Amino acid sequence: MDFVGAGLSNIAAILVFALVAAGVGKVFQIAGTLSEMKDMLADIKRRGDHSLPTSPFATTESAENLLRMVSAELEHPVPPAEAGLEQNH
């Protein structure tokens, strides 16, 4: 009976070690990805590449048109927005 307990204990220890090793590997993978993203953003900033939009919509009208198209496909359409809404800039 002691052999079974010792065997299960060894298997549990190996599994814990494997999980910790996988976790450490994943942390290094995430760190590498974040480093690549940081380098890309630095390159974009250095080049002054302003071709990337600051907003997903070029104008308020394009956002409203998208809302109308999506609303037309819904069973319960979204009511139209009031024209006097203030924009937060």
C-alpha atoms as a PDB file:
ATOM      1  CA  MET A   1       0.000   0.000   0.000  1.00  0.00           C
ATOM      2  CA  ASP A   2       2.950   2.299   0.624  1.00  0.00           C
ATOM      3  CA  PHE A   3       4.092   1.791  -2.960  1.00  0.00           C
ATOM      4  CA  VAL A   4       0.760   3.091  -4.314  1.00  0.00           C
ATOM      5  CA  GLY A   5       0.899   6.188  -2.120  1.00  0.00           C
ATOM      6  CA  ALA A   6       4.483   6.890  -3.079  1.00  0.00           C
ATOM      7  CA  GLY A   7       3.693   6.405  -6.761  1.00  0.00           C
ATOM      8  CA  LEU A   8       0.713   8.759  -6.619  1.00  0.00           C
ATOM      9  CA  SER A   9       2.807  11.292  -4.752  1.00  0.00           C
ATOM     10  CA  ASN A  10       5.510  11.153  -7.426  1.00  0.00           C
ATOM     11  CA  ILE A  11       2.951  11.496 -10.234  1.00  0.00           C
ATOM     12  CA  ALA A  12       1.388  14.506  -8.494  1.00  0.00           C
ATOM     13  CA  ALA A  13       4.806  16.114  -8.052  1.00  0.00           C
ATOM     14  CA  ILE A  14       5.630  15.598 -11.729  1.00  0.00           C
ATOM     15  CA  LEU A  15       2.279  17.103 -12.779  1.00  0.00           C
ATOM     16  CA  VAL A  16       2.786  20.142 -10.548  1.00  0.00           C
ATOM     17  CA  PHE A  17       6.287  20.625 -11.961  1.00  0.00           C
ATOM     18  CA  ALA A  18       4.952  20.353 -15.519  1.00  0.00           C
ATOM     19  CA  LEU A  19       2.220  22.900 -14.830  1.00  0.00           C
ATOM     20  CA  VAL A  20       4.682  25.348 -13.278  1.00  0.00           C
ATOM     21  CA  ALA A  21       7.071  24.894 -16.224  1.00  0.00           C
ATOM     22  CA  ALA A  22       4.225  25.472 -18.699  1.00  0.00           C
ATOM     23  CA  GLY A  23       3.186  28.602 -16.798  1.00  0.00           C
ATOM     24  CA  VAL A  24       6.729  29.988 -16.861  1.00  0.00           C
ATOM     25  CA  GLY A  25       6.965  29.260 -20.576  1.00  0.00           C
ATOM     26  CA  LYS A  26       3.673  31.056 -21.196  1.00  0.00           C
ATOM     27  CA  VAL A  27       4.870  34.098 -19.238  1.00  0.00           C
ATOM     28  CA  PHE A  28       7.982  34.288 -21.424  1.00  0.00           C
ATOM     29  CA  GLN A  29       5.833  33.945 -24.539  1.00  0.00           C
ATOM     30  CA  ILE A  30       3.591  36.806 -23.421  1.00  0.00           C
ATOM     31  CA  ALA A  31       6.633  38.925 -22.558  1.00  0.00           C
ATOM     32  CA  GLY A  32       8.041  38.347 -26.050  1.00  0.00           C
ATOM     33  CA  THR A  33       4.762  39.313 -27.687  1.00  0.00           C
ATOM     34  CA  LEU A  34       4.511  42.485 -25.606  1.00  0.00           C
ATOM     35  CA  SER A  35       8.095  43.356 -26.512  1.00  0.00           C
ATOM     36  CA  GLU A  36       7.306  42.978 -30.218  1.00  0.00           C
ATOM     37  CA  MET A  37       4.221  45.167 -29.852  1.00  0.00           C
ATOM     38  CA  LYS A  38       6.283  47.806 -28.039  1.00  0.00           C
ATOM     39  CA  ASP A  39       8.870  47.789 -30.832  1.00  0.00           C
ATOM     40  CA  MET A  40       6.178  48.126 -33.505  1.00  0.00           C
ATOM     41  CA  LEU A  41       4.567  51.056 -31.715  1.00  0.00           C
ATOM     42  CA  ALA A  42       7.958  52.735 -31.311  1.00  0.00           C
ATOM     43  CA  ASP A  43       8.624  52.297 -35.051  1.00  0.00           C
ATOM     44  CA  ILE A  44       5.258  53.801 -35.938  1.00  0.00           C
ATOM     45  CA  LYS A  45       5.880  56.731 -33.611  1.00  0.00           C
ATOM     46  CA  ARG A  46       9.418  57.244 -34.966  1.00  0.00           C
ATOM     47  CA  ARG A  47       8.278  57.238 -38.600  1.00  0.00           C
ATOM     48  CA  GLY A  48       5.406  59.563 -37.875  1.00  0.00           C
ATOM     49  CA  ASP A  49       3.023  57.259 -39.711  1.00  0.00           C
ATOM     50  CA  HIS A  50      -0.269  59.088 -39.513  1.00  0.00           C
ATOM     51  CA  SER A  51      -2.033  56.810 -41.954  1.00  0.00           C
ATOM     52  CA  LEU A  52      -3.553  54.871 -39.059  1.00  0.00           C
ATOM     53  CA  PRO A  53      -6.943  56.254 -38.088  1.00  0.00           C
ATOM     54  CA  THR A  54      -7.384  57.608 -34.584  1.00  0.00           C
ATOM     55  CA  SER A  55     -11.004  56.506 -34.631  1.00  0.00           C
ATOM     56  CA  PRO A  56     -12.669  53.473 -36.194  1.00  0.00           C
ATOM     57  CA  PHE A  57     -15.020  55.870 -37.969  1.00  0.00           C
ATOM     58  CA  ALA A  58     -13.801  58.726 -40.136  1.00  0.00           C
ATOM     59  CA  THR A  59     -16.865  60.802 -39.396  1.00  0.00           C
ATOM     60  CA  THR A  60     -19.895  60.760 -37.152  1.00  0.00           C
ATOM     61  CA  GLU A  61     -22.057  60.200 -40.206  1.00  0.00           C
ATOM     62  CA  SER A  62     -20.328  56.927 -41.040  1.00  0.00           C
ATOM     63  CA  ALA A  63     -20.939  55.683 -37.497  1.00  0.00           C
ATOM     64  CA  GLU A  64     -24.582  56.669 -37.747  1.00  0.00           C
ATOM     65  CA  ASN A  65     -24.921  54.907 -41.123  1.00  0.00           C
ATOM     66  CA  LEU A  66     -23.444  51.736 -39.629  1.00  0.00           C
ATOM     67  CA  LEU A  67     -25.883  51.947 -36.725  1.00  0.00           C
ATOM     68  CA  ARG A  68     -28.783  52.356 -39.161  1.00  0.00           C
ATOM     69  CA  MET A  69     -27.684  49.317 -41.205  1.00  0.00           C
ATOM     70  CA  VAL A  70     -27.321  47.139 -38.096  1.00  0.00           C
ATOM     71  CA  SER A  71     -30.569  48.460 -36.662  1.00  0.00           C
ATOM     72  CA  ALA A  72     -32.403  47.561 -39.874  1.00  0.00           C
ATOM     73  CA  GLU A  73     -31.387  43.914 -39.405  1.00  0.00           C
ATOM     74  CA  LEU A  74     -32.613  43.709 -35.799  1.00  0.00           C
ATOM     75  CA  GLU A  75     -36.120  42.722 -34.779  1.00  0.00           C
ATOM     76  CA  HIS A  76     -36.259  45.656 -32.376  1.00  0.00           C
ATOM     77  CA  PRO A  77     -34.440  48.533 -34.084  1.00  0.00           C
ATOM     78  CA  VAL A  78     -32.435  51.001 -32.062  1.00  0.00           C
ATOM     79  CA  PRO A  79     -34.181  54.388 -31.927  1.00  0.00           C
ATOM     80  CA  PRO A  80     -32.448  57.143 -33.913  1.00  0.00           C
ATOM     81  CA  ALA A  81     -30.065  59.358 -31.959  1.00  0.00           C
ATOM     82  CA  GLU A  82     -31.000  62.919 -31.208  1.00  0.00           C
ATOM     83  CA  ALA A  83     -29.255  65.496 -33.357  1.00  0.00           C
ATOM     84  CA  GLY A  84     -28.340  67.693 -30.367  1.00  0.00           C
ATOM     85  CA  LEU A  85     -25.963  65.252 -28.666  1.00  0.00           C
ATOM     86  CA  GLU A  86     -22.718  66.748 -27.440  1.00  0.00           C
ATOM     87  CA  GLN A  87     -19.466  65.167 -28.550  1.00  0.00           C
ATOM     88  CA  ASN A  88     -16.743  64.604 -25.966  1.00  0.00           C
ATOM     89  CA  HIS A  89     -13.404  65.692 -27.412  1.00  0.00           C
END
